[in-house]
Amino acid sequence: MNWYRQAPGKERELVAGISTSGRTNYIVSVKGRFTISRDNAKN
């Protein structure tokens, strides 16, 4: 599962992702500020 974002006039960019095993990745500009999480029981 991933979160992307797109600002006006700019390319869509990957902001954060979380793997099926729970590993997370973030774009540098949001590290320390954003947190991605998933709840598989709630989809």
Full PDB file with SEQRES, HELIX, SHEET, SSBOND, CRYST1, ORIGX, SCALE, CONECT and MASTER records, all heavy atoms in Angstrom:
SEQRES   1 A   43  MET ASN TRP TYR ARG GLN ALA PRO GLY LYS GLU ARG GLU          
SEQRES   2 A   43  LEU VAL ALA GLY ILE SER THR SER GLY ARG THR ASN TYR          
SEQRES   3 A   43  ILE VAL SER VAL LYS GLY ARG PHE THR ILE SER ARG ASP          
SEQRES   4 A   43  ASN ALA LYS ASN                                              
HELIX    1 AA1 VAL A   28  VAL A   30  5                                   3    
SHEET    1 AA1 3 ASN A   2  ARG A   5  0                                        
SHEET    2 AA1 3 GLU A  13  ILE A  18 -1                                        
SHEET    3 AA1 3 THR A  24  TYR A  26 -1                                        
CRYST1    1.000    1.000    1.000  90.00  90.00  90.00 P 1           1          
ORIGX1      1.000000  0.000000  0.000000        0.00000                         
ORIGX2      0.000000  1.000000  0.000000        0.00000                         
ORIGX3      0.000000  0.000000  1.000000        0.00000                         
SCALE1      1.000000  0.000000  0.000000        0.00000                         
SCALE2      0.000000  1.000000  0.000000        0.00000                         
SCALE3      0.000000  0.000000  1.000000        0.00000                         
ATOM      1  N   MET A   1       0.838  -1.189   0.000  1.00  0.00           N  
ATOM      2  CA  MET A   1       0.000   0.000   0.000  1.00  0.00           C  
ATOM      3  C   MET A   1       0.876   1.244   0.000  1.00  0.00           C  
ATOM      4  O   MET A   1       1.868   1.324   0.732  1.00  0.00           O  
ATOM      5  CB  MET A   1      -0.929   0.019   1.204  1.00  0.00           C  
ATOM      6  CG  MET A   1      -1.906  -1.156   1.261  1.00  0.00           C  
ATOM      7  SD  MET A   1      -2.986  -1.268  -0.203  1.00  0.00           S  
ATOM      8  CE  MET A   1      -3.873   0.288  -0.104  1.00  0.00           C  
ATOM      9  N   ASN A   2       0.490   2.194  -0.813  1.00  0.00           N  
ATOM     10  CA  ASN A   2       1.271   3.416  -0.973  1.00  0.00           C  
ATOM     11  C   ASN A   2       0.385   4.647  -0.914  1.00  0.00           C  
ATOM     12  O   ASN A   2      -0.800   4.594  -1.232  1.00  0.00           O  
ATOM     13  CB  ASN A   2       1.988   3.428  -2.333  1.00  0.00           C  
ATOM     14  CG  ASN A   2       2.829   2.198  -2.561  1.00  0.00           C  
ATOM     15  OD1 ASN A   2       3.840   1.988  -1.888  1.00  0.00           O  
ATOM     16  ND2 ASN A   2       2.424   1.377  -3.530  1.00  0.00           N  
ATOM     17  N   TRP A   3       0.995   5.744  -0.502  1.00  0.00           N  
ATOM     18  CA  TRP A   3       0.386   7.053  -0.646  1.00  0.00           C  
ATOM     19  C   TRP A   3       1.221   7.866  -1.625  1.00  0.00           C  
ATOM     20  O   TRP A   3       2.431   8.001  -1.462  1.00  0.00           O  
ATOM     21  CB  TRP A   3       0.307   7.790   0.689  1.00  0.00           C  
ATOM     22  CG  TRP A   3      -0.742   7.268   1.609  1.00  0.00           C  
ATOM     23  CD1 TRP A   3      -0.576   6.389   2.636  1.00  0.00           C  
ATOM     24  CD2 TRP A   3      -2.133   7.609   1.593  1.00  0.00           C  
ATOM     25  NE1 TRP A   3      -1.769   6.153   3.266  1.00  0.00           N  
ATOM     26  CE2 TRP A   3      -2.749   6.891   2.644  1.00  0.00           C  
ATOM     27  CE3 TRP A   3      -2.922   8.453   0.802  1.00  0.00           C  
ATOM     28  CZ2 TRP A   3      -4.115   6.981   2.923  1.00  0.00           C  
ATOM     29  CZ3 TRP A   3      -4.276   8.539   1.067  1.00  0.00           C  
ATOM     30  CH2 TRP A   3      -4.855   7.812   2.117  1.00  0.00           C  
ATOM     31  N   TYR A   4       0.566   8.376  -2.636  1.00  0.00           N  
ATOM     32  CA  TYR A   4       1.160   9.288  -3.594  1.00  0.00           C  
ATOM     33  C   TYR A   4       0.517  10.657  -3.420  1.00  0.00           C  
ATOM     34  O   TYR A   4      -0.556  10.786  -2.830  1.00  0.00           O  
ATOM     35  CB  TYR A   4       0.922   8.819  -5.029  1.00  0.00           C  
ATOM     36  CG  TYR A   4       1.738   7.633  -5.484  1.00  0.00           C  
ATOM     37  CD1 TYR A   4       1.419   6.339  -5.092  1.00  0.00           C  
ATOM     38  CD2 TYR A   4       2.818   7.815  -6.350  1.00  0.00           C  
ATOM     39  CE1 TYR A   4       2.152   5.250  -5.530  1.00  0.00           C  
ATOM     40  CE2 TYR A   4       3.556   6.729  -6.804  1.00  0.00           C  
ATOM     41  CZ  TYR A   4       3.217   5.452  -6.390  1.00  0.00           C  
ATOM     42  OH  TYR A   4       3.946   4.369  -6.840  1.00  0.00           O  
ATOM     43  N   ARG A   5       1.174  11.655  -3.964  1.00  0.00           N  
ATOM     44  CA  ARG A   5       0.557  12.974  -3.997  1.00  0.00           C  
ATOM     45  C   ARG A   5       0.923  13.687  -5.285  1.00  0.00           C  
ATOM     46  O   ARG A   5       1.947  13.410  -5.897  1.00  0.00           O  
ATOM     47  CB  ARG A   5       0.965  13.821  -2.786  1.00  0.00           C  
ATOM     48  CG  ARG A   5       2.416  14.252  -2.756  1.00  0.00           C  
ATOM     49  CD  ARG A   5       2.735  14.966  -1.453  1.00  0.00           C  
ATOM     50  NE  ARG A   5       4.121  15.409  -1.406  1.00  0.00           N  
ATOM     51  CZ  ARG A   5       4.715  15.900  -0.319  1.00  0.00           C  
ATOM     52  NH1 ARG A   5       4.027  16.009   0.818  1.00  0.00           N  
ATOM     53  NH2 ARG A   5       5.982  16.282  -0.370  1.00  0.00           N  
ATOM     54  N   GLN A   6       0.070  14.603  -5.676  1.00  0.00           N  
ATOM     55  CA  GLN A   6       0.308  15.386  -6.872  1.00  0.00           C  
ATOM     56  C   GLN A   6      -0.135  16.814  -6.632  1.00  0.00           C  
ATOM     57  O   GLN A   6      -1.302  17.074  -6.350  1.00  0.00           O  
ATOM     58  CB  GLN A   6      -0.428  14.799  -8.075  1.00  0.00           C  
ATOM     59  CG  GLN A   6      -0.081  15.476  -9.387  1.00  0.00           C  
ATOM     60  CD  GLN A   6      -0.583  14.706 -10.589  1.00  0.00           C  
ATOM     61  OE1 GLN A   6      -1.572  13.985 -10.507  1.00  0.00           O  
ATOM     62  NE2 GLN A   6       0.108  14.847 -11.714  1.00  0.00           N  
ATOM     63  N   ALA A   7       0.812  17.715  -6.725  1.00  0.00           N  
ATOM     64  CA  ALA A   7       0.538  19.133  -6.613  1.00  0.00           C  
ATOM     65  C   ALA A   7       0.275  19.694  -8.002  1.00  0.00           C  
ATOM     66  O   ALA A   7       0.738  19.140  -8.997  1.00  0.00           O  
ATOM     67  CB  ALA A   7       1.712  19.852  -5.959  1.00  0.00           C  
ATOM     68  N   PRO A   8      -0.453  20.802  -8.098  1.00  0.00           N  
ATOM     69  CA  PRO A   8      -0.737  21.394  -9.402  1.00  0.00           C  
ATOM     70  C   PRO A   8       0.532  21.664 -10.202  1.00  0.00           C  
ATOM     71  O   PRO A   8       1.481  22.256  -9.687  1.00  0.00           O  
ATOM     72  CB  PRO A   8      -1.455  22.694  -9.048  1.00  0.00           C  
ATOM     73  CG  PRO A   8      -2.092  22.415  -7.732  1.00  0.00           C  
ATOM     74  CD  PRO A   8      -1.099  21.543  -7.002  1.00  0.00           C  
ATOM     75  N   GLY A   9       0.545  21.206 -11.447  1.00  0.00           N  
ATOM     76  CA  GLY A   9       1.680  21.436 -12.318  1.00  0.00           C  
ATOM     77  C   GLY A   9       2.883  20.559 -12.066  1.00  0.00           C  
ATOM     78  O   GLY A   9       3.918  20.747 -12.708  1.00  0.00           O  
ATOM     79  N   LYS A  10       2.767  19.612 -11.148  1.00  0.00           N  
ATOM     80  CA  LYS A  10       3.889  18.752 -10.825  1.00  0.00           C  
ATOM     81  C   LYS A  10       3.556  17.284 -11.064  1.00  0.00           C  
ATOM     82  O   LYS A  10       2.392  16.905 -11.159  1.00  0.00           O  
ATOM     83  CB  LYS A  10       4.319  18.951  -9.372  1.00  0.00           C  
ATOM     84  CG  LYS A  10       4.860  20.339  -9.081  1.00  0.00           C  
ATOM     85  CD  LYS A  10       5.449  20.426  -7.693  1.00  0.00           C  
ATOM     86  CE  LYS A  10       6.066  21.790  -7.439  1.00  0.00           C  
ATOM     87  NZ  LYS A  10       6.663  21.877  -6.084  1.00  0.00           N  
ATOM     88  N   GLU A  11       4.586  16.469 -11.166  1.00  0.00           N  
ATOM     89  CA  GLU A  11       4.419  15.042 -11.346  1.00  0.00           C  
ATOM     90  C   GLU A  11       3.927  14.392 -10.063  1.00  0.00           C  
ATOM     91  O   GLU A  11       4.213  14.853  -8.960  1.00  0.00           O  
ATOM     92  CB  GLU A  11       5.741  14.397 -11.762  1.00  0.00           C  
ATOM     93  CG  GLU A  11       6.260  14.831 -13.121  1.00  0.00           C  
ATOM     94  CD  GLU A  11       5.443  14.252 -14.251  1.00  0.00           C  
ATOM     95  OE1 GLU A  11       5.068  13.064 -14.178  1.00  0.00           O  
ATOM     96  OE2 GLU A  11       5.176  14.992 -15.214  1.00  0.00           O  
ATOM     97  N   ARG A  12       3.186  13.315 -10.216  1.00  0.00           N  
ATOM     98  CA  ARG A  12       2.776  12.542  -9.061  1.00  0.00           C  
ATOM     99  C   ARG A  12       4.003  11.879  -8.444  1.00  0.00           C  
ATOM    100  O   ARG A  12       4.850  11.325  -9.156  1.00  0.00           O  
ATOM    101  CB  ARG A  12       1.750  11.484  -9.485  1.00  0.00           C  
ATOM    102  CG  ARG A  12       1.141  10.725  -8.327  1.00  0.00           C  
ATOM    103  CD  ARG A  12       0.037   9.788  -8.797  1.00  0.00           C  
ATOM    104  NE  ARG A  12      -1.062  10.519  -9.432  1.00  0.00           N  
ATOM    105  CZ  ARG A  12      -2.184   9.959  -9.858  1.00  0.00           C  
ATOM    106  NH1 ARG A  12      -2.370   8.655  -9.716  1.00  0.00           N  
ATOM    107  NH2 ARG A  12      -3.117  10.701 -10.424  1.00  0.00           N  
ATOM    108  N   GLU A  13       4.111  11.941  -7.128  1.00  0.00           N  
ATOM    109  CA  GLU A  13       5.258  11.374  -6.457  1.00  0.00           C  
ATOM    110  C   GLU A  13       4.842  10.432  -5.339  1.00  0.00           C  
ATOM    111  O   GLU A  13       3.812  10.634  -4.685  1.00  0.00           O  
ATOM    112  CB  GLU A  13       6.168  12.471  -5.889  1.00  0.00           C  
ATOM    113  CG  GLU A  13       5.541  13.305  -4.788  1.00  0.00           C  
ATOM    114  CD  GLU A  13       6.490  14.338  -4.207  1.00  0.00           C  
ATOM    115  OE1 GLU A  13       7.703  14.302  -4.516  1.00  0.00           O  
ATOM    116  OE2 GLU A  13       6.026  15.195  -3.437  1.00  0.00           O  
ATOM    117  N   LEU A  14       5.648   9.416  -5.133  1.00  0.00           N  
ATOM    118  CA  LEU A  14       5.424   8.483  -4.034  1.00  0.00           C  
ATOM    119  C   LEU A  14       5.842   9.137  -2.733  1.00  0.00           C  
ATOM    120  O   LEU A  14       6.982   9.584  -2.600  1.00  0.00           O  
ATOM    121  CB  LEU A  14       6.210   7.197  -4.267  1.00  0.00           C  
ATOM    122  CG  LEU A  14       6.154   6.134  -3.166  1.00  0.00           C  
ATOM    123  CD1 LEU A  14       4.737   5.598  -3.013  1.00  0.00           C  
ATOM    124  CD2 LEU A  14       7.111   4.988  -3.485  1.00  0.00           C  
ATOM    125  N   VAL A  15       4.942   9.192  -1.787  1.00  0.00           N  
ATOM    126  CA  VAL A  15       5.209   9.811  -0.494  1.00  0.00           C  
ATOM    127  C   VAL A  15       5.637   8.781   0.532  1.00  0.00           C  
ATOM    128  O   VAL A  15       6.612   8.970   1.264  1.00  0.00           O  
ATOM    129  CB  VAL A  15       3.973  10.569   0.020  1.00  0.00           C  
ATOM    130  CG1 VAL A  15       4.228  11.155   1.404  1.00  0.00           C  
ATOM    131  CG2 VAL A  15       3.578  11.664  -0.966  1.00  0.00           C  
ATOM    132  N   ALA A  16       4.899   7.704   0.610  1.00  0.00           N  
ATOM    133  CA  ALA A  16       5.167   6.667   1.599  1.00  0.00           C  
ATOM    134  C   ALA A  16       4.606   5.346   1.117  1.00  0.00           C  
ATOM    135  O   ALA A  16       3.629   5.305   0.369  1.00  0.00           O  
ATOM    136  CB  ALA A  16       4.553   7.028   2.952  1.00  0.00           C  
ATOM    137  N   GLY A  17       5.235   4.270   1.539  1.00  0.00           N  
ATOM    138  CA  GLY A  17       4.760   2.946   1.199  1.00  0.00           C  
ATOM    139  C   GLY A  17       4.938   1.998   2.363  1.00  0.00           C  
ATOM    140  O   GLY A  17       5.818   2.193   3.205  1.00  0.00           O  
ATOM    141  N   ILE A  18       4.100   0.992   2.403  1.00  0.00           N  
ATOM    142  CA  ILE A  18       4.206  -0.039   3.430  1.00  0.00           C  
ATOM    143  C   ILE A  18       4.001  -1.389   2.769  1.00  0.00           C  
ATOM    144  O   ILE A  18       3.036  -1.610   2.041  1.00  0.00           O  
ATOM    145  CB  ILE A  18       3.220   0.209   4.594  1.00  0.00           C  
ATOM    146  CG1 ILE A  18       3.414  -0.836   5.696  1.00  0.00           C  
ATOM    147  CG2 ILE A  18       1.770   0.250   4.108  1.00  0.00           C  
ATOM    148  CD1 ILE A  18       2.733  -0.449   7.011  1.00  0.00           C  
ATOM    149  N   SER A  19       4.931  -2.288   3.004  1.00  0.00           N  
ATOM    150  CA  SER A  19       4.896  -3.592   2.374  1.00  0.00           C  
ATOM    151  C   SER A  19       3.903  -4.510   3.060  1.00  0.00           C  
ATOM    152  O   SER A  19       3.332  -4.190   4.101  1.00  0.00           O  
ATOM    153  CB  SER A  19       6.289  -4.222   2.401  1.00  0.00           C  
ATOM    154  OG  SER A  19       6.610  -4.671   3.702  1.00  0.00           O  
ATOM    155  N   THR A  20       3.726  -5.679   2.471  1.00  0.00           N  
ATOM    156  CA  THR A  20       2.837  -6.670   3.064  1.00  0.00           C  
ATOM    157  C   THR A  20       3.344  -7.151   4.423  1.00  0.00           C  
ATOM    158  O   THR A  20       2.556  -7.621   5.242  1.00  0.00           O  
ATOM    159  CB  THR A  20       2.661  -7.871   2.133  1.00  0.00           C  
ATOM    160  OG1 THR A  20       3.941  -8.434   1.822  1.00  0.00           O  
ATOM    161  CG2 THR A  20       1.958  -7.453   0.843  1.00  0.00           C  
ATOM    162  N   SER A  21       4.636  -7.019   4.663  1.00  0.00           N  
ATOM    163  CA  SER A  21       5.223  -7.423   5.932  1.00  0.00           C  
ATOM    164  C   SER A  21       5.363  -6.273   6.922  1.00  0.00           C  
ATOM    165  O   SER A  21       5.868  -6.467   8.025  1.00  0.00           O  
ATOM    166  CB  SER A  21       6.584  -8.080   5.717  1.00  0.00           C  
ATOM    167  OG  SER A  21       7.494  -7.179   5.135  1.00  0.00           O  
ATOM    168  N   GLY A  22       4.939  -5.080   6.524  1.00  0.00           N  
ATOM    169  CA  GLY A  22       4.950  -3.951   7.429  1.00  0.00           C  
ATOM    170  C   GLY A  22       6.151  -3.030   7.326  1.00  0.00           C  
ATOM    171  O   GLY A  22       6.260  -2.067   8.093  1.00  0.00           O  
ATOM    172  N   ARG A  23       7.057  -3.301   6.410  1.00  0.00           N  
ATOM    173  CA  ARG A  23       8.196  -2.408   6.216  1.00  0.00           C  
ATOM    174  C   ARG A  23       7.742  -1.130   5.546  1.00  0.00           C  
ATOM    175  O   ARG A  23       6.931  -1.154   4.631  1.00  0.00           O  
ATOM    176  CB  ARG A  23       9.286  -3.082   5.396  1.00  0.00           C  
ATOM    177  CG  ARG A  23       9.985  -4.220   6.122  1.00  0.00           C  
ATOM    178  CD  ARG A  23      11.103  -4.811   5.276  1.00  0.00           C  
ATOM    179  NE  ARG A  23      11.893  -5.785   6.017  1.00  0.00           N  
ATOM    180  CZ  ARG A  23      11.567  -7.058   6.153  1.00  0.00           C  
ATOM    181  NH1 ARG A  23      10.459  -7.532   5.587  1.00  0.00           N  
ATOM    182  NH2 ARG A  23      12.352  -7.877   6.848  1.00  0.00           N  
ATOM    183  N   THR A  24       8.286  -0.008   5.992  1.00  0.00           N  
ATOM    184  CA  THR A  24       7.859   1.292   5.499  1.00  0.00           C  
ATOM    185  C   THR A  24       8.984   2.038   4.813  1.00  0.00           C  
ATOM    186  O   THR A  24      10.158   1.850   5.125  1.00  0.00           O  
ATOM    187  CB  THR A  24       7.308   2.162   6.633  1.00  0.00           C  
ATOM    188  OG1 THR A  24       8.318   2.344   7.637  1.00  0.00           O  
ATOM    189  CG2 THR A  24       6.091   1.505   7.273  1.00  0.00           C  
ATOM    190  N   ASN A  25       8.609   2.884   3.885  1.00  0.00           N  
ATOM    191  CA  ASN A  25       9.542   3.755   3.181  1.00  0.00           C  
ATOM    192  C   ASN A  25       8.885   5.111   2.992  1.00  0.00           C  
ATOM    193  O   ASN A  25       7.674   5.207   2.827  1.00  0.00           O  
ATOM    194  CB  ASN A  25       9.929   3.172   1.826  1.00  0.00           C  
ATOM    195  CG  ASN A  25      10.703   1.880   1.942  1.00  0.00           C  
ATOM    196  OD1 ASN A  25      10.143   0.791   1.836  1.00  0.00           O  
ATOM    197  ND2 ASN A  25      12.011   1.999   2.159  1.00  0.00           N  
ATOM    198  N   TYR A  26       9.720   6.156   3.003  1.00  0.00           N  
ATOM    199  CA  TYR A  26       9.227   7.517   2.879  1.00  0.00           C  
ATOM    200  C   TYR A  26      10.116   8.331   1.972  1.00  0.00           C  
ATOM    201  O   TYR A  26      11.327   8.114   1.908  1.00  0.00           O  
ATOM    202  CB  TYR A  26       9.197   8.218   4.240  1.00  0.00           C  
ATOM    203  CG  TYR A  26       8.366   7.525   5.284  1.00  0.00           C  
ATOM    204  CD1 TYR A  26       8.924   6.568   6.122  1.00  0.00           C  
ATOM    205  CD2 TYR A  26       7.018   7.835   5.432  1.00  0.00           C  
ATOM    206  CE1 TYR A  26       8.157   5.928   7.080  1.00  0.00           C  
ATOM    207  CE2 TYR A  26       6.246   7.201   6.393  1.00  0.00           C  
ATOM    208  CZ  TYR A  26       6.821   6.248   7.216  1.00  0.00           C  
ATOM    209  OH  TYR A  26       6.052   5.622   8.169  1.00  0.00           O  
ATOM    210  N   ILE A  27       9.519   9.289   1.309  1.00  0.00           N  
ATOM    211  CA  ILE A  27      10.303  10.270   0.598  1.00  0.00           C  
ATOM    212  C   ILE A  27      11.015  11.127   1.643  1.00  0.00           C  
ATOM    213  O   ILE A  27      10.486  11.364   2.734  1.00  0.00           O  
ATOM    214  CB  ILE A  27       9.406  11.121  -0.334  1.00  0.00           C  
ATOM    215  CG1 ILE A  27      10.230  11.953  -1.298  1.00  0.00           C  
ATOM    216  CG2 ILE A  27       8.452  11.971   0.461  1.00  0.00           C  
ATOM    217  CD1 ILE A  27       9.384  12.610  -2.390  1.00  0.00           C  
ATOM    218  N   VAL A  28      12.225  11.555   1.319  1.00  0.00           N  
ATOM    219  CA  VAL A  28      13.052  12.262   2.289  1.00  0.00           C  
ATOM    220  C   VAL A  28      12.336  13.464   2.903  1.00  0.00           C  
ATOM    221  O   VAL A  28      12.452  13.719   4.109  1.00  0.00           O  
ATOM    222  CB  VAL A  28      14.382  12.702   1.647  1.00  0.00           C  
ATOM    223  CG1 VAL A  28      15.145  13.645   2.568  1.00  0.00           C  
ATOM    224  CG2 VAL A  28      15.228  11.484   1.321  1.00  0.00           C  
ATOM    225  N   SER A  29      11.591  14.193   2.104  1.00  0.00           N  
ATOM    226  CA  SER A  29      10.975  15.423   2.568  1.00  0.00           C  
ATOM    227  C   SER A  29       9.910  15.226   3.654  1.00  0.00           C  
ATOM    228  O   SER A  29       9.531  16.188   4.322  1.00  0.00           O  
ATOM    229  CB  SER A  29      10.364  16.195   1.399  1.00  0.00           C  
ATOM    230  OG  SER A  29       9.339  15.448   0.771  1.00  0.00           O  
ATOM    231  N   VAL A  30       9.428  14.001   3.838  1.00  0.00           N  
ATOM    232  CA  VAL A  30       8.401  13.763   4.848  1.00  0.00           C  
ATOM    233  C   VAL A  30       8.886  12.893   6.000  1.00  0.00           C  
ATOM    234  O   VAL A  30       8.144  12.683   6.967  1.00  0.00           O  
ATOM    235  CB  VAL A  30       7.116  13.157   4.252  1.00  0.00           C  
ATOM    236  CG1 VAL A  30       6.638  13.972   3.062  1.00  0.00           C  
ATOM    237  CG2 VAL A  30       7.315  11.688   3.870  1.00  0.00           C  
ATOM    238  N   LYS A  31      10.113  12.403   5.930  1.00  0.00           N  
ATOM    239  CA  LYS A  31      10.637  11.564   7.003  1.00  0.00           C  
ATOM    240  C   LYS A  31      10.621  12.313   8.328  1.00  0.00           C  
ATOM    241  O   LYS A  31      11.021  13.463   8.408  1.00  0.00           O  
ATOM    242  CB  LYS A  31      12.058  11.100   6.688  1.00  0.00           C  
ATOM    243  CG  LYS A  31      12.136   9.993   5.661  1.00  0.00           C  
ATOM    244  CD  LYS A  31      13.568   9.513   5.479  1.00  0.00           C  
ATOM    245  CE  LYS A  31      13.640   8.363   4.485  1.00  0.00           C  
ATOM    246  NZ  LYS A  31      15.039   7.909   4.275  1.00  0.00           N  
ATOM    247  N   GLY A  32      10.151  11.644   9.352  1.00  0.00           N  
ATOM    248  CA  GLY A  32      10.058  12.252  10.663  1.00  0.00           C  
ATOM    249  C   GLY A  32       8.785  13.024  10.892  1.00  0.00           C  
ATOM    250  O   GLY A  32       8.493  13.407  12.029  1.00  0.00           O  
ATOM    251  N   ARG A  33       8.026  13.273   9.837  1.00  0.00           N  
ATOM    252  CA  ARG A  33       6.771  14.010   9.955  1.00  0.00           C  
ATOM    253  C   ARG A  33       5.551  13.148   9.646  1.00  0.00           C  
ATOM    254  O   ARG A  33       4.499  13.324  10.258  1.00  0.00           O  
ATOM    255  CB  ARG A  33       6.770  15.225   9.028  1.00  0.00           C  
ATOM    256  CG  ARG A  33       7.876  16.226   9.314  1.00  0.00           C  
ATOM    257  CD  ARG A  33       7.665  17.517   8.530  1.00  0.00           C  
ATOM    258  NE  ARG A  33       7.733  17.298   7.084  1.00  0.00           N  
ATOM    259  CZ  ARG A  33       6.746  17.554   6.229  1.00  0.00           C  
ATOM    260  NH1 ARG A  33       5.601  18.063   6.673  1.00  0.00           N  
ATOM    261  NH2 ARG A  33       6.901  17.332   4.933  1.00  0.00           N  
ATOM    262  N   PHE A  34       5.697  12.240   8.680  1.00  0.00           N  
ATOM    263  CA  PHE A  34       4.586  11.392   8.255  1.00  0.00           C  
ATOM    264  C   PHE A  34       4.822   9.959   8.716  1.00  0.00           C  
ATOM    265  O   PHE A  34       5.960   9.494   8.781  1.00  0.00           O  
ATOM    266  CB  PHE A  34       4.445  11.382   6.736  1.00  0.00           C  
ATOM    267  CG  PHE A  34       3.982  12.670   6.107  1.00  0.00           C  
ATOM    268  CD1 PHE A  34       3.901  13.852   6.828  1.00  0.00           C  
ATOM    269  CD2 PHE A  34       3.632  12.692   4.770  1.00  0.00           C  
ATOM    270  CE1 PHE A  34       3.478  15.028   6.242  1.00  0.00           C  
ATOM    271  CE2 PHE A  34       3.212  13.862   4.156  1.00  0.00           C  
ATOM    272  CZ  PHE A  34       3.132  15.033   4.895  1.00  0.00           C  
ATOM    273  N   THR A  35       3.747   9.262   8.982  1.00  0.00           N  
ATOM    274  CA  THR A  35       3.819   7.851   9.334  1.00  0.00           C  
ATOM    275  C   THR A  35       2.740   7.085   8.590  1.00  0.00           C  
ATOM    276  O   THR A  35       1.557   7.415   8.683  1.00  0.00           O  
ATOM    277  CB  THR A  35       3.632   7.631  10.846  1.00  0.00           C  
ATOM    278  OG1 THR A  35       4.633   8.349  11.573  1.00  0.00           O  
ATOM    279  CG2 THR A  35       3.753   6.149  11.183  1.00  0.00           C  
ATOM    280  N   ILE A  36       3.156   6.072   7.846  1.00  0.00           N  
ATOM    281  CA  ILE A  36       2.203   5.204   7.170  1.00  0.00           C  
ATOM    282  C   ILE A  36       2.015   3.947   8.004  1.00  0.00           C  
ATOM    283  O   ILE A  36       2.959   3.430   8.605  1.00  0.00           O  
ATOM    284  CB  ILE A  36       2.672   4.857   5.735  1.00  0.00           C  
ATOM    285  CG1 ILE A  36       1.579   4.099   4.971  1.00  0.00           C  
ATOM    286  CG2 ILE A  36       3.983   4.078   5.753  1.00  0.00           C  
ATOM    287  CD1 ILE A  36       1.891   3.906   3.484  1.00  0.00           C  
ATOM    288  N   SER A  37       0.796   3.470   8.062  1.00  0.00           N  
ATOM    289  CA  SER A  37       0.496   2.249   8.785  1.00  0.00           C  
ATOM    290  C   SER A  37      -0.652   1.532   8.089  1.00  0.00           C  
ATOM    291  O   SER A  37      -1.362   2.118   7.280  1.00  0.00           O  
ATOM    292  CB  SER A  37       0.154   2.538  10.250  1.00  0.00           C  
ATOM    293  OG  SER A  37      -0.998   3.361  10.349  1.00  0.00           O  
ATOM    294  N   ARG A  38      -0.812   0.269   8.414  1.00  0.00           N  
ATOM    295  CA  ARG A  38      -1.913  -0.484   7.834  1.00  0.00           C  
ATOM    296  C   ARG A  38      -2.555  -1.363   8.877  1.00  0.00           C  
ATOM    297  O   ARG A  38      -1.903  -1.831   9.819  1.00  0.00           O  
ATOM    298  CB  ARG A  38      -1.433  -1.322   6.637  1.00  0.00           C  
ATOM    299  CG  ARG A  38      -0.477  -2.456   6.980  1.00  0.00           C  
ATOM    300  CD  ARG A  38       0.134  -3.074   5.712  1.00  0.00           C  
ATOM    301  NE  ARG A  38      -0.870  -3.688   4.863  1.00  0.00           N  
ATOM    302  CZ  ARG A  38      -0.703  -3.957   3.574  1.00  0.00           C  
ATOM    303  NH1 ARG A  38       0.446  -3.642   2.966  1.00  0.00           N  
ATOM    304  NH2 ARG A  38      -1.680  -4.534   2.875  1.00  0.00           N  
ATOM    305  N   ASP A  39      -3.832  -1.582   8.710  1.00  0.00           N  
ATOM    306  CA  ASP A  39      -4.592  -2.462   9.574  1.00  0.00           C  
ATOM    307  C   ASP A  39      -5.271  -3.465   8.660  1.00  0.00           C  
ATOM    308  O   ASP A  39      -6.307  -3.175   8.057  1.00  0.00           O  
ATOM    309  CB  ASP A  39      -5.616  -1.678  10.397  1.00  0.00           C  
ATOM    310  CG  ASP A  39      -6.331  -2.545  11.417  1.00  0.00           C  
ATOM    311  OD1 ASP A  39      -6.378  -3.775  11.265  1.00  0.00           O  
ATOM    312  OD2 ASP A  39      -6.863  -1.974  12.396  1.00  0.00           O  
ATOM    313  N   ASN A  40      -4.670  -4.633   8.533  1.00  0.00           N  
ATOM    314  CA  ASN A  40      -5.197  -5.632   7.607  1.00  0.00           C  
ATOM    315  C   ASN A  40      -6.580  -6.137   8.007  1.00  0.00           C  
ATOM    316  O   ASN A  40      -7.370  -6.528   7.153  1.00  0.00           O  
ATOM    317  CB  ASN A  40      -4.225  -6.806   7.485  1.00  0.00           C  
ATOM    318  CG  ASN A  40      -2.982  -6.456   6.700  1.00  0.00           C  
ATOM    319  OD1 ASN A  40      -2.932  -5.434   6.012  1.00  0.00           O  
ATOM    320  ND2 ASN A  40      -1.966  -7.298   6.800  1.00  0.00           N  
ATOM    321  N   ALA A  41      -6.860  -6.131   9.305  1.00  0.00           N  
ATOM    322  CA  ALA A  41      -8.174  -6.565   9.765  1.00  0.00           C  
ATOM    323  C   ALA A  41      -9.271  -5.619   9.308  1.00  0.00           C  
ATOM    324  O   ALA A  41     -10.421  -6.025   9.150  1.00  0.00           O  
ATOM    325  CB  ALA A  41      -8.189  -6.707  11.284  1.00  0.00           C  
ATOM    326  N   LYS A  42      -8.911  -4.357   9.112  1.00  0.00           N  
ATOM    327  CA  LYS A  42      -9.868  -3.348   8.672  1.00  0.00           C  
ATOM    328  C   LYS A  42      -9.730  -2.996   7.197  1.00  0.00           C  
ATOM    329  O   LYS A  42     -10.459  -2.140   6.695  1.00  0.00           O  
ATOM    330  CB  LYS A  42      -9.725  -2.081   9.506  1.00  0.00           C  
ATOM    331  CG  LYS A  42     -10.069  -2.261  10.973  1.00  0.00           C  
ATOM    332  CD  LYS A  42      -9.933  -0.947  11.728  1.00  0.00           C  
ATOM    333  CE  LYS A  42     -10.320  -1.114  13.187  1.00  0.00           C  
ATOM    334  NZ  LYS A  42     -10.179   0.154  13.944  1.00  0.00           N  
ATOM    335  N   ASN A  43      -8.789  -3.641   6.514  1.00  0.00           N  
ATOM    336  CA  ASN A  43      -8.520  -3.338   5.107  1.00  0.00           C  
ATOM    337  C   ASN A  43      -8.311  -1.844   4.887  1.00  0.00           C  
ATOM    338  O   ASN A  43      -8.852  -1.254   3.951  1.00  0.00           O  
ATOM    339  CB  ASN A  43      -9.664  -3.837   4.213  1.00  0.00           C  
ATOM    340  CG  ASN A  43      -9.678  -5.351   4.037  1.00  0.00           C  
ATOM    341  OD1 ASN A  43     -10.548  -5.884   3.358  1.00  0.00           O  
ATOM    342  ND2 ASN A  43      -8.733  -6.054   4.638  1.00  0.00           N  
TER     343      ASN A  43                                                      
MASTER        0    0    0    1    3    0    0    6  342    1    0    4          
END                                                                             
